């Protein structure tokens, strides 16, 4: 598939992207990401590897459009950390500073 990233045309294929990303350790995902194989990569890291360009030369949107057209799953933001569930009594105690009962 032909796509334009940072004003340069690239002929990308799904197998070519898989081969390029093979053996690349994913960085910590803090924003938009792409699932390639069983791993989730930041879009800028994927763009840098497949285009061999500096990350400042292209936008995440350009990479997301290309990866979506190739059939990869793209994510807008990282998964949220699970929230700790507290009871109303625990919440009230925390707000009051968990005062002790020293007679």
Protein backbone atom coordinates (compact mmCIF):
# COMPACT_ATOMS: atom_id res chain seq x y z
CA UNK A 1 0.00 0.00 0.00
CA UNK A 2 1.33 3.42 -0.90
CA UNK A 3 1.11 6.07 1.82
CA UNK A 4 2.66 9.45 2.49
CA UNK A 5 4.38 10.10 5.82
CA UNK A 6 6.19 13.41 6.34
CA UNK A 7 5.69 14.29 2.65
CA UNK A 8 7.58 11.16 1.53
CA UNK A 9 5.84 8.26 -0.24
CA UNK A 10 6.28 4.77 1.21
CA UNK A 11 5.15 1.39 -0.10
CA UNK A 12 4.17 -0.46 3.06
CA UNK A 13 2.82 -3.96 3.51
CA UNK A 14 1.54 -5.65 6.63
CA UNK A 15 4.23 -8.35 6.42
CA UNK A 16 6.89 -5.70 5.86
CA UNK A 17 5.82 -3.81 9.00
CA UNK A 18 5.76 -7.07 11.00
CA UNK A 19 9.27 -7.89 9.78
CA UNK A 20 10.56 -4.38 10.59
CA UNK A 21 9.15 -4.47 14.12
CA UNK A 22 10.35 -8.01 14.84
CA UNK A 23 12.83 -7.93 17.70
CA UNK A 24 12.10 -4.26 18.56
CA UNK A 25 11.37 -3.79 22.26
CA UNK A 26 8.33 -1.56 22.82
CA UNK A 27 8.88 1.68 24.67
CA UNK A 28 6.51 2.78 27.43
CA UNK A 29 3.17 3.78 25.91
CA UNK A 30 2.05 7.20 27.09
CA UNK A 31 -0.21 8.25 24.22
CA UNK A 32 -1.39 6.82 20.92
CA UNK A 33 -0.27 3.28 20.19
CA UNK A 34 -0.43 0.46 17.63
CA UNK A 35 -0.77 -3.26 18.34
CA UNK A 36 1.67 -5.20 16.16
CA UNK A 37 1.68 -8.92 16.79
CA UNK A 38 1.12 -9.31 20.51
CA UNK A 39 2.89 -6.09 21.48
CA UNK A 40 1.72 -2.52 21.79
CA UNK A 41 4.09 0.15 20.46
CA UNK A 42 3.91 3.96 20.62
CA UNK A 43 3.01 5.30 17.16
CA UNK A 44 6.11 7.49 16.98
CA UNK A 45 8.35 4.48 17.63
CA UNK A 46 6.63 2.52 14.84
CA UNK A 47 6.91 5.48 12.48
CA UNK A 48 10.60 5.88 13.21
CA UNK A 49 11.34 2.20 12.60
CA UNK A 50 9.34 1.80 9.38
CA UNK A 51 10.33 5.13 7.78
CA UNK A 52 13.84 5.54 9.25
CA UNK A 53 13.00 9.20 9.87
CA UNK A 54 13.34 11.34 12.96
CA UNK A 55 10.20 11.33 15.12
CA UNK A 56 9.88 15.10 14.79
CA UNK A 57 9.43 14.81 11.01
CA UNK A 58 5.99 13.17 11.07
CA UNK A 59 2.81 13.17 13.12
CA UNK A 60 1.23 10.32 14.99
CA UNK A 61 -1.89 10.76 12.87
CA UNK A 62 0.01 9.96 9.69
CA UNK A 63 1.29 6.70 11.18
CA UNK A 64 -2.12 5.79 12.62
CA UNK A 65 -3.79 6.30 9.23
CA UNK A 66 -1.21 4.09 7.51
CA UNK A 67 -1.35 1.36 10.18
CA UNK A 68 -5.16 1.35 10.17
CA UNK A 69 -5.23 0.98 6.39
CA UNK A 70 -2.84 -1.98 6.72
CA UNK A 71 -5.18 -3.65 9.22
CA UNK A 72 -3.38 -3.01 12.52
CA UNK A 73 -5.32 -2.05 15.64
CA UNK A 74 -4.63 1.49 16.81
CA UNK A 75 -5.39 2.91 20.25
CA UNK A 76 -6.06 6.55 21.11
CA UNK A 77 -4.53 6.39 24.59
CA UNK A 78 -3.06 3.80 26.96
CA UNK A 79 -5.30 1.58 29.03
CA UNK A 80 -6.25 3.16 32.33
CA UNK A 81 -4.83 1.66 35.49
CA UNK A 82 -7.44 -0.20 37.51
CA UNK A 83 -9.06 2.00 40.12
CA UNK A 84 -8.92 0.99 43.74
CA UNK A 85 -12.44 0.53 45.04
CA UNK A 86 -13.07 1.94 48.50
CA UNK A 87 -16.12 1.87 50.70
CA UNK A 88 -17.75 5.12 51.82
CA UNK A 89 -16.39 4.47 55.34
CA UNK A 90 -12.82 4.16 54.02
CA UNK A 91 -13.23 7.35 51.99
CA UNK A 92 -14.55 9.30 55.00
CA UNK A 93 -11.75 7.96 57.19
CA UNK A 94 -9.13 9.03 54.68
CA UNK A 95 -10.65 12.50 54.36
CA UNK A 96 -10.67 12.91 58.16
CA UNK A 97 -7.10 11.78 58.47
CA UNK A 98 -8.04 8.39 59.97
CA UNK A 99 -8.15 9.83 63.49
CA UNK A 100 -7.32 7.33 66.21
CA UNK A 101 -9.47 6.83 69.30
CA UNK A 102 -7.01 7.35 72.19
CA UNK A 103 -9.31 7.62 75.17
